[in-house]
Amino acid sequence: MKLRLDKPSREAIGSRVREIRLFNQLEQTQLAGQAGLSQAIISQYEKGLTEISLSFIRFLADSFGVSGDWLIFGAGASPFERAQKQIDVRLPADAGPAAKKKRKRDGYCGIPLVDPRAAASPGKIRAEKISVWEILPVQQVSGRTNLVALDIKAEWVKNMNPPFRAGSRAVVDRGDKAITPDAYYAVNTLSRKAPSSEASVNAIRRLSRSGQRLWFVEDRPSGDFEHLDMKTGDRIEDIVIGRIIWVWQKLA
């Protein structure tokens, strides 16, 4: 039996289904497997494109400890907002031969797309900060772990060459802050002007360090390079958010 609902109601339920899935760190295929459905059906449920079945509502309530009233009507506060669970975005290490075989076969991994402030926050990222999961080939991340994806803003890449342009999307390795001359980095050049709780990516640059001076290098400089003279207490971790390992232009 399916719930006969209008499109806005279906979309609202779909957003709560997605919230459950992200909170529990599941891909659509994983949730589909647990529920005995196809990934396509889960995708349609989350987008509100099809009427959701009562059996699936019961499955979610029984499996994840949420109430039917919240799932269907949005009654009360989200159980996930109350819990404020955080997701460890690091890719899990292979657990053994079976895991290695599966990764080799599947060949893909999920990278969370987040906003600039969430990217600059250390460690874990809350589920509600993740817009979507970018699915990328494993070979593109080259064994890296602490990865996030960002939508590039125009003001970040002024005087930078393609592929760094507004509308592109970049993958940032937050675990790689070692400065090398041929690499590009997501940086927080305003690290001294805002508290650490408000840290945010605000530029993409090449970097060069000379003693205590850190240079933010543009590809097509229009004047003097911006730089920061590091003082006692300044940490490179607060300035360099991470190395950019992949950039691509989003499809329209």
C-alpha atoms as a PDB file:
ATOM      1  CA  MET A   1       0.000   0.000   0.000  1.00  0.00           C
ATOM      2  CA  LYS A   2       1.257   3.454  -0.910  1.00  0.00           C
ATOM      3  CA  LEU A   3       0.641   6.878   0.603  1.00  0.00           C
ATOM      4  CA  ARG A   4      -1.440   9.066  -1.706  1.00  0.00           C
ATOM      5  CA  LEU A   5       0.170  12.468  -1.236  1.00  0.00           C
ATOM      6  CA  ASP A   6       0.718  15.628  -3.249  1.00  0.00           C
ATOM      7  CA  LYS A   7       4.178  16.459  -4.591  1.00  0.00           C
ATOM      8  CA  PRO A   8       5.233  18.893  -1.792  1.00  0.00           C
ATOM      9  CA  SER A   9       4.362  16.248   0.818  1.00  0.00           C
ATOM     10  CA  ARG A  10       6.271  13.568  -1.101  1.00  0.00           C
ATOM     11  CA  GLU A  11       9.298  15.862  -1.353  1.00  0.00           C
ATOM     12  CA  ALA A  12       9.166  16.601   2.389  1.00  0.00           C
ATOM     13  CA  ILE A  13       9.102  12.881   3.202  1.00  0.00           C
ATOM     14  CA  GLY A  14      11.892  12.319   0.691  1.00  0.00           C
ATOM     15  CA  SER A  15      14.096  14.877   2.427  1.00  0.00           C
ATOM     16  CA  ARG A  16      13.582  13.017   5.713  1.00  0.00           C
ATOM     17  CA  VAL A  17      14.444   9.701   4.049  1.00  0.00           C
ATOM     18  CA  ARG A  18      17.665  11.293   2.790  1.00  0.00           C
ATOM     19  CA  GLU A  19      18.360  12.668   6.277  1.00  0.00           C
ATOM     20  CA  ILE A  20      18.075   9.159   7.730  1.00  0.00           C
ATOM     21  CA  ARG A  21      20.385   7.747   5.069  1.00  0.00           C
ATOM     22  CA  LEU A  22      23.101  10.396   5.457  1.00  0.00           C
ATOM     23  CA  PHE A  23      22.923  10.277   9.242  1.00  0.00           C
ATOM     24  CA  ASN A  24      23.610   6.551   9.106  1.00  0.00           C
ATOM     25  CA  GLN A  25      26.401   6.981   6.530  1.00  0.00           C
ATOM     26  CA  LEU A  26      24.660   4.902   3.868  1.00  0.00           C
ATOM     27  CA  GLU A  27      24.763   5.170   0.103  1.00  0.00           C
ATOM     28  CA  GLN A  28      21.460   4.784  -1.744  1.00  0.00           C
ATOM     29  CA  THR A  29      22.522   1.323  -2.890  1.00  0.00           C
ATOM     30  CA  GLN A  30      23.199   0.257   0.703  1.00  0.00           C
ATOM     31  CA  LEU A  31      19.841   1.486   1.983  1.00  0.00           C
ATOM     32  CA  ALA A  32      18.136  -0.148  -0.991  1.00  0.00           C
ATOM     33  CA  GLY A  33      19.823  -3.462  -0.217  1.00  0.00           C
ATOM     34  CA  GLN A  34      18.708  -3.350   3.404  1.00  0.00           C
ATOM     35  CA  ALA A  35      15.133  -2.516   2.401  1.00  0.00           C
ATOM     36  CA  GLY A  36      14.967  -5.022  -0.454  1.00  0.00           C
ATOM     37  CA  LEU A  37      14.428  -2.291  -3.042  1.00  0.00           C
ATOM     38  CA  SER A  38      16.350  -0.921  -6.001  1.00  0.00           C
ATOM     39  CA  GLN A  39      18.623   2.115  -5.832  1.00  0.00           C
ATOM     40  CA  ALA A  40      16.380   3.797  -8.416  1.00  0.00           C
ATOM     41  CA  ILE A  41      13.359   3.526  -6.094  1.00  0.00           C
ATOM     42  CA  ILE A  42      15.306   5.038  -3.183  1.00  0.00           C
ATOM     43  CA  SER A  43      16.376   7.903  -5.451  1.00  0.00           C
ATOM     44  CA  GLN A  44      12.767   8.489  -6.525  1.00  0.00           C
ATOM     45  CA  TYR A  45      11.580   8.427  -2.903  1.00  0.00           C
ATOM     46  CA  GLU A  46      14.199  10.990  -1.856  1.00  0.00           C
ATOM     47  CA  LYS A  47      13.272  13.315  -4.726  1.00  0.00           C
ATOM     48  CA  GLY A  48       9.534  12.945  -4.126  1.00  0.00           C
ATOM     49  CA  LEU A  49       9.007  11.571  -7.623  1.00  0.00           C
ATOM     50  CA  THR A  50       6.918   8.584  -6.598  1.00  0.00           C
ATOM     51  CA  GLU A  51       4.485   7.647  -3.850  1.00  0.00           C
ATOM     52  CA  ILE A  52       6.218   6.037  -0.902  1.00  0.00           C
ATOM     53  CA  SER A  53       5.041   2.679   0.413  1.00  0.00           C
ATOM     54  CA  LEU A  54       3.850   2.135   3.971  1.00  0.00           C
ATOM     55  CA  SER A  55       6.038  -0.961   4.182  1.00  0.00           C
ATOM     56  CA  PHE A  56       9.106   1.224   3.542  1.00  0.00           C
ATOM     57  CA  ILE A  57       7.947   3.699   6.207  1.00  0.00           C
ATOM     58  CA  ARG A  58       7.637   0.802   8.671  1.00  0.00           C
ATOM     59  CA  PHE A  59      11.080  -0.466   7.644  1.00  0.00           C
ATOM     60  CA  LEU A  60      12.661   2.940   8.360  1.00  0.00           C
ATOM     61  CA  ALA A  61      10.858   3.295  11.687  1.00  0.00           C
ATOM     62  CA  ASP A  62      11.865  -0.192  12.848  1.00  0.00           C
ATOM     63  CA  SER A  63      15.424  -0.108  11.523  1.00  0.00           C
ATOM     64  CA  PHE A  64      16.477   3.412  12.486  1.00  0.00           C
ATOM     65  CA  GLY A  65      14.328   4.213  15.516  1.00  0.00           C
ATOM     66  CA  VAL A  66      12.374   7.135  14.068  1.00  0.00           C
ATOM     67  CA  SER A  67       8.662   7.756  14.510  1.00  0.00           C
ATOM     68  CA  GLY A  68       6.132   7.369  11.732  1.00  0.00           C
ATOM     69  CA  ASP A  69       4.652  10.765  12.639  1.00  0.00           C
ATOM     70  CA  TRP A  70       7.994  12.459  12.057  1.00  0.00           C
ATOM     71  CA  LEU A  71       8.610  10.538   8.833  1.00  0.00           C
ATOM     72  CA  ILE A  72       5.209  11.248   7.288  1.00  0.00           C
ATOM     73  CA  PHE A  73       4.201  14.577   8.819  1.00  0.00           C
ATOM     74  CA  GLY A  74       7.464  16.030  10.118  1.00  0.00           C
ATOM     75  CA  ALA A  75       5.918  16.182  13.578  1.00  0.00           C
ATOM     76  CA  GLY A  76       8.356  17.249  16.282  1.00  0.00           C
ATOM     77  CA  ALA A  77      12.066  17.970  16.064  1.00  0.00           C
ATOM     78  CA  SER A  78      14.291  15.855  13.878  1.00  0.00           C
ATOM     79  CA  PRO A  79      15.849  13.076  15.967  1.00  0.00           C
ATOM     80  CA  PHE A  80      19.093  13.750  14.124  1.00  0.00           C
ATOM     81  CA  GLU A  81      19.139  17.441  15.022  1.00  0.00           C
ATOM     82  CA  ARG A  82      18.831  16.454  18.658  1.00  0.00           C
ATOM     83  CA  ALA A  83      21.602  13.892  18.399  1.00  0.00           C
ATOM     84  CA  GLN A  84      23.854  16.182  16.325  1.00  0.00           C
ATOM     85  CA  LYS A  85      25.771  13.158  15.188  1.00  0.00           C
ATOM     86  CA  GLN A  86      28.877  13.897  13.176  1.00  0.00           C
ATOM     87  CA  ILE A  87      30.060  11.942  10.181  1.00  0.00           C
ATOM     88  CA  ASP A  88      33.684  10.965   9.767  1.00  0.00           C
ATOM     89  CA  VAL A  89      34.254  11.795   6.103  1.00  0.00           C
ATOM     90  CA  ARG A  90      37.505   9.855   5.866  1.00  0.00           C
ATOM     91  CA  LEU A  91      37.293   6.907   3.510  1.00  0.00           C
ATOM     92  CA  PRO A  92      37.494   3.639   5.463  1.00  0.00           C
ATOM     93  CA  ALA A  93      40.632   1.562   5.143  1.00  0.00           C
ATOM     94  CA  ASP A  94      40.226  -1.807   3.431  1.00  0.00           C
ATOM     95  CA  ALA A  95      39.356  -4.377   6.058  1.00  0.00           C
ATOM     96  CA  GLY A  96      40.815  -7.399   4.291  1.00  0.00           C
ATOM     97  CA  PRO A  97      40.845  -9.379   1.036  1.00  0.00           C
ATOM     98  CA  ALA A  98      37.056  -9.224   0.635  1.00  0.00           C
ATOM     99  CA  ALA A  99      36.996  -5.445   1.043  1.00  0.00           C
ATOM    100  CA  LYS A 100      39.913  -5.025  -1.358  1.00  0.00           C
ATOM    101  CA  LYS A 101      38.166  -7.157  -3.941  1.00  0.00           C
ATOM    102  CA  LYS A 102      34.940  -5.165  -3.587  1.00  0.00           C
ATOM    103  CA  ARG A 103      36.715  -1.813  -3.893  1.00  0.00           C
ATOM    104  CA  LYS A 104      38.581  -2.996  -6.962  1.00  0.00           C
ATOM    105  CA  ARG A 105      35.345  -4.234  -8.498  1.00  0.00           C
ATOM    106  CA  ASP A 106      33.261  -1.180  -7.683  1.00  0.00           C
ATOM    107  CA  GLY A 107      36.041   1.300  -8.390  1.00  0.00           C
ATOM    108  CA  TYR A 108      34.189   4.281  -6.875  1.00  0.00           C
ATOM    109  CA  CYS A 109      33.981   6.159  -3.588  1.00  0.00           C
ATOM    110  CA  GLY A 110      31.819   8.940  -2.144  1.00  0.00           C
ATOM    111  CA  ILE A 111      33.145  12.456  -1.428  1.00  0.00           C
ATOM    112  CA  PRO A 112      30.877  14.844   0.542  1.00  0.00           C
ATOM    113  CA  LEU A 113      30.088  18.208  -1.074  1.00  0.00           C
ATOM    114  CA  VAL A 114      30.137  20.859   1.675  1.00  0.00           C
ATOM    115  CA  ASP A 115      30.156  24.631   2.082  1.00  0.00           C
ATOM    116  CA  PRO A 116      33.412  26.618   2.583  1.00  0.00           C
ATOM    117  CA  ARG A 117      33.013  26.897   6.349  1.00  0.00           C
ATOM    118  CA  ALA A 118      32.355  23.191   6.839  1.00  0.00           C
ATOM    119  CA  ALA A 119      35.410  22.399   4.705  1.00  0.00           C
ATOM    120  CA  ALA A 120      37.588  24.561   6.966  1.00  0.00           C
ATOM    121  CA  SER A 121      36.337  22.948  10.168  1.00  0.00           C
ATOM    122  CA  PRO A 122      38.701  20.293  11.524  1.00  0.00           C
ATOM    123  CA  GLY A 123      37.819  16.623  11.703  1.00  0.00           C
ATOM    124  CA  LYS A 124      34.259  15.498  11.256  1.00  0.00           C
ATOM    125  CA  ILE A 125      31.365  17.091   9.388  1.00  0.00           C
ATOM    126  CA  ARG A 126      27.720  17.062  10.453  1.00  0.00           C
ATOM    127  CA  ALA A 127      25.291  15.285   8.183  1.00  0.00           C
ATOM    128  CA  GLU A 128      23.223  18.416   7.591  1.00  0.00           C
ATOM    129  CA  LYS A 129      26.313  20.176   6.174  1.00  0.00           C
ATOM    130  CA  ILE A 130      26.595  17.672   3.318  1.00  0.00           C
ATOM    131  CA  SER A 131      24.758  18.810   0.179  1.00  0.00           C
ATOM    132  CA  VAL A 132      25.353  15.685  -1.916  1.00  0.00           C
ATOM    133  CA  TRP A 133      27.890  12.888  -2.218  1.00  0.00           C
ATOM    134  CA  GLU A 134      30.111  13.127  -5.277  1.00  0.00           C
ATOM    135  CA  ILE A 135      30.873   9.648  -6.618  1.00  0.00           C
ATOM    136  CA  LEU A 136      34.412   9.570  -7.990  1.00  0.00           C
ATOM    137  CA  PRO A 137      36.685   6.839  -9.353  1.00  0.00           C
ATOM    138  CA  VAL A 138      38.952   5.463  -6.644  1.00  0.00           C
ATOM    139  CA  GLN A 139      42.038   5.958  -8.815  1.00  0.00           C
ATOM    140  CA  GLN A 140      41.401   9.707  -8.842  1.00  0.00           C
ATOM    141  CA  VAL A 141      41.844   9.984  -5.069  1.00  0.00           C
ATOM    142  CA  SER A 142      45.050   7.911  -5.082  1.00  0.00           C
ATOM    143  CA  GLY A 143      44.616   6.412  -1.630  1.00  0.00           C
ATOM    144  CA  ARG A 144      43.900   9.779   0.009  1.00  0.00           C
ATOM    145  CA  THR A 145      41.423   9.830   2.864  1.00  0.00           C
ATOM    146  CA  ASN A 146      40.231  13.108   4.436  1.00  0.00           C
ATOM    147  CA  LEU A 147      38.451  14.489   1.365  1.00  0.00           C
ATOM    148  CA  VAL A 148      35.703  17.046   0.746  1.00  0.00           C
ATOM    149  CA  ALA A 149      34.294  18.586  -2.443  1.00  0.00           C
ATOM    150  CA  LEU A 150      33.692  22.327  -2.928  1.00  0.00           C
ATOM    151  CA  ASP A 151      31.896  24.492  -5.472  1.00  0.00           C
ATOM    152  CA  ILE A 152      34.456  27.093  -6.598  1.00  0.00           C
ATOM    153  CA  LYS A 153      33.419  30.735  -6.198  1.00  0.00           C
ATOM    154  CA  ALA A 154      34.503  33.494  -8.581  1.00  0.00           C
ATOM    155  CA  GLU A 155      36.236  35.537  -5.880  1.00  0.00           C
ATOM    156  CA  TRP A 156      38.442  32.577  -4.938  1.00  0.00           C
ATOM    157  CA  VAL A 157      40.051  32.232  -8.363  1.00  0.00           C
ATOM    158  CA  LYS A 158      40.617  35.769  -9.610  1.00  0.00           C
ATOM    159  CA  ASN A 159      43.811  35.741 -11.711  1.00  0.00           C
ATOM    160  CA  MET A 160      43.960  31.941 -11.683  1.00  0.00           C
ATOM    161  CA  ASN A 161      44.122  29.803 -14.828  1.00  0.00           C
ATOM    162  CA  PRO A 162      41.656  27.097 -15.920  1.00  0.00           C
ATOM    163  CA  PRO A 163      40.430  24.693 -14.732  1.00  0.00           C
ATOM    164  CA  PHE A 164      40.033  27.010 -11.726  1.00  0.00           C
ATOM    165  CA  ARG A 165      36.942  28.996 -12.639  1.00  0.00           C
ATOM    166  CA  ALA A 166      33.617  29.866 -11.043  1.00  0.00           C
ATOM    167  CA  GLY A 167      31.206  26.975 -11.383  1.00  0.00           C
ATOM    168  CA  SER A 168      33.877  24.286 -11.286  1.00  0.00           C
ATOM    169  CA  ARG A 169      33.992  21.755  -8.483  1.00  0.00           C
ATOM    170  CA  ALA A 170      37.148  20.748  -6.612  1.00  0.00           C
ATOM    171  CA  VAL A 171      38.144  17.894  -4.324  1.00  0.00           C
ATOM    172  CA  VAL A 172      40.305  18.990  -1.388  1.00  0.00           C
ATOM    173  CA  ASP A 173      42.505  16.671   0.676  1.00  0.00           C
ATOM    174  CA  ARG A 174      42.272  18.197   4.147  1.00  0.00           C
ATOM    175  CA  GLY A 175      44.973  15.825   5.349  1.00  0.00           C
ATOM    176  CA  ASP A 176      47.604  17.175   2.931  1.00  0.00           C
ATOM    177  CA  LYS A 177      48.922  20.585   4.012  1.00  0.00           C
ATOM    178  CA  ALA A 178      52.547  20.065   2.955  1.00  0.00           C
ATOM    179  CA  ILE A 179      53.561  22.997   0.734  1.00  0.00           C
ATOM    180  CA  THR A 180      55.030  22.159  -2.674  1.00  0.00           C
ATOM    181  CA  PRO A 181      55.505  24.695  -5.504  1.00  0.00           C
ATOM    182  CA  ASP A 182      53.520  22.839  -8.168  1.00  0.00           C
ATOM    183  CA  ALA A 183      50.392  22.223  -6.067  1.00  0.00           C
ATOM    184  CA  TYR A 184      47.232  24.258  -5.527  1.00  0.00           C
ATOM    185  CA  TYR A 185      45.536  24.715  -2.179  1.00  0.00           C
ATOM    186  CA  ALA A 186      42.246  25.838  -0.688  1.00  0.00           C
ATOM    187  CA  VAL A 187      43.270  28.484   1.843  1.00  0.00           C
ATOM    188  CA  ASN A 188      41.905  30.777   4.522  1.00  0.00           C
ATOM    189  CA  THR A 189      43.858  34.011   4.038  1.00  0.00           C
ATOM    190  CA  LEU A 190      41.783  35.729   6.744  1.00  0.00           C
ATOM    191  CA  SER A 191      42.791  33.348   9.519  1.00  0.00           C
ATOM    192  CA  ARG A 192      43.734  36.232  11.834  1.00  0.00           C
ATOM    193  CA  LYS A 193      40.628  38.303  11.156  1.00  0.00           C
ATOM    194  CA  ALA A 194      38.009  35.809  12.304  1.00  0.00           C
ATOM    195  CA  PRO A 195      37.746  33.337  15.179  1.00  0.00           C
ATOM    196  CA  SER A 196      38.564  29.725  14.361  1.00  0.00           C
ATOM    197  CA  SER A 197      34.874  28.856  14.703  1.00  0.00           C
ATOM    198  CA  GLU A 198      34.236  31.057  11.635  1.00  0.00           C
ATOM    199  CA  ALA A 199      37.134  29.766   9.525  1.00  0.00           C
ATOM    200  CA  SER A 200      36.254  29.395   5.861  1.00  0.00           C
ATOM    201  CA  VAL A 201      37.858  28.743   2.493  1.00  0.00           C
ATOM    202  CA  ASN A 202      38.220  32.104   0.737  1.00  0.00           C
ATOM    203  CA  ALA A 203      40.820  31.523  -1.999  1.00  0.00           C
ATOM    204  CA  ILE A 204      42.568  28.947  -4.183  1.00  0.00           C
ATOM    205  CA  ARG A 205      46.283  29.611  -4.627  1.00  0.00           C
ATOM    206  CA  ARG A 206      49.686  28.101  -5.121  1.00  0.00           C
ATOM    207  CA  LEU A 207      51.834  28.572  -2.027  1.00  0.00           C
ATOM    208  CA  SER A 208      55.443  29.393  -1.303  1.00  0.00           C
ATOM    209  CA  ARG A 209      57.061  29.737   2.087  1.00  0.00           C
ATOM    210  CA  SER A 210      60.196  31.709   2.886  1.00  0.00           C
ATOM    211  CA  GLY A 211      61.046  31.595   6.566  1.00  0.00           C
ATOM    212  CA  GLN A 212      58.013  32.935   8.414  1.00  0.00           C
ATOM    213  CA  ARG A 213      56.501  34.491   5.284  1.00  0.00           C
ATOM    214  CA  LEU A 214      53.806  32.557   3.432  1.00  0.00           C
ATOM    215  CA  TRP A 215      53.115  33.710  -0.125  1.00  0.00           C
ATOM    216  CA  PHE A 216      49.726  33.234  -1.831  1.00  0.00           C
ATOM    217  CA  VAL A 217      50.710  32.923  -5.499  1.00  0.00           C
ATOM    218  CA  GLU A 218      48.357  33.752  -8.387  1.00  0.00           C
ATOM    219  CA  ASP A 219      48.816  32.285 -11.875  1.00  0.00           C
ATOM    220  CA  ARG A 220      48.374  35.719 -13.500  1.00  0.00           C
ATOM    221  CA  PRO A 221      49.440  38.240 -10.862  1.00  0.00           C
ATOM    222  CA  SER A 222      48.028  41.738 -11.245  1.00  0.00           C
ATOM    223  CA  GLY A 223      50.382  43.239  -8.674  1.00  0.00           C
ATOM    224  CA  ASP A 224      52.338  42.178  -5.631  1.00  0.00           C
ATOM    225  CA  PHE A 225      51.621  38.688  -4.346  1.00  0.00           C
ATOM    226  CA  GLU A 226      49.543  38.584  -1.212  1.00  0.00           C
ATOM    227  CA  HIS A 227      51.463  37.212   1.740  1.00  0.00           C
ATOM    228  CA  LEU A 228      51.203  36.538   5.442  1.00  0.00           C
ATOM    229  CA  ASP A 229      54.027  36.994   7.934  1.00  0.00           C
ATOM    230  CA  MET A 230      53.426  34.216  10.404  1.00  0.00           C
ATOM    231  CA  LYS A 231      53.785  35.080  14.066  1.00  0.00           C
ATOM    232  CA  THR A 232      54.137  33.027  17.209  1.00  0.00           C
ATOM    233  CA  GLY A 233      50.922  31.090  17.636  1.00  0.00           C
ATOM    234  CA  ASP A 234      50.025  31.093  13.936  1.00  0.00           C
ATOM    235  CA  ARG A 235      49.407  27.569  12.671  1.00  0.00           C
ATOM    236  CA  ILE A 236      49.714  26.484   9.071  1.00  0.00           C
ATOM    237  CA  GLU A 237      46.702  24.212   9.718  1.00  0.00           C
ATOM    238  CA  ASP A 238      44.503  27.297  10.222  1.00  0.00           C
ATOM    239  CA  ILE A 239      45.618  28.847   6.926  1.00  0.00           C
ATOM    240  CA  VAL A 240      45.956  25.885   4.560  1.00  0.00           C
ATOM    241  CA  ILE A 241      42.660  23.988   4.419  1.00  0.00           C
ATOM    242  CA  GLY A 242      44.073  21.325   2.114  1.00  0.00           C
ATOM    243  CA  ARG A 243      45.600  20.435  -1.221  1.00  0.00           C
ATOM    244  CA  ILE A 244      43.365  20.371  -4.288  1.00  0.00           C
ATOM    245  CA  ILE A 245      43.709  16.996  -5.970  1.00  0.00           C
ATOM    246  CA  TRP A 246      41.039  17.161  -8.672  1.00  0.00           C
ATOM    247  CA  VAL A 247      38.977  19.843 -10.438  1.00  0.00           C
ATOM    248  CA  TRP A 248      36.212  19.466 -12.999  1.00  0.00           C
ATOM    249  CA  GLN A 249      33.565  21.586 -14.673  1.00  0.00           C
ATOM    250  CA  LYS A 250      30.033  20.758 -13.591  1.00  0.00           C
ATOM    251  CA  LEU A 251      27.586  19.818 -16.317  1.00  0.00           C
ATOM    252  CA  ALA A 252      24.765  22.299 -16.884  1.00  0.00           C
END
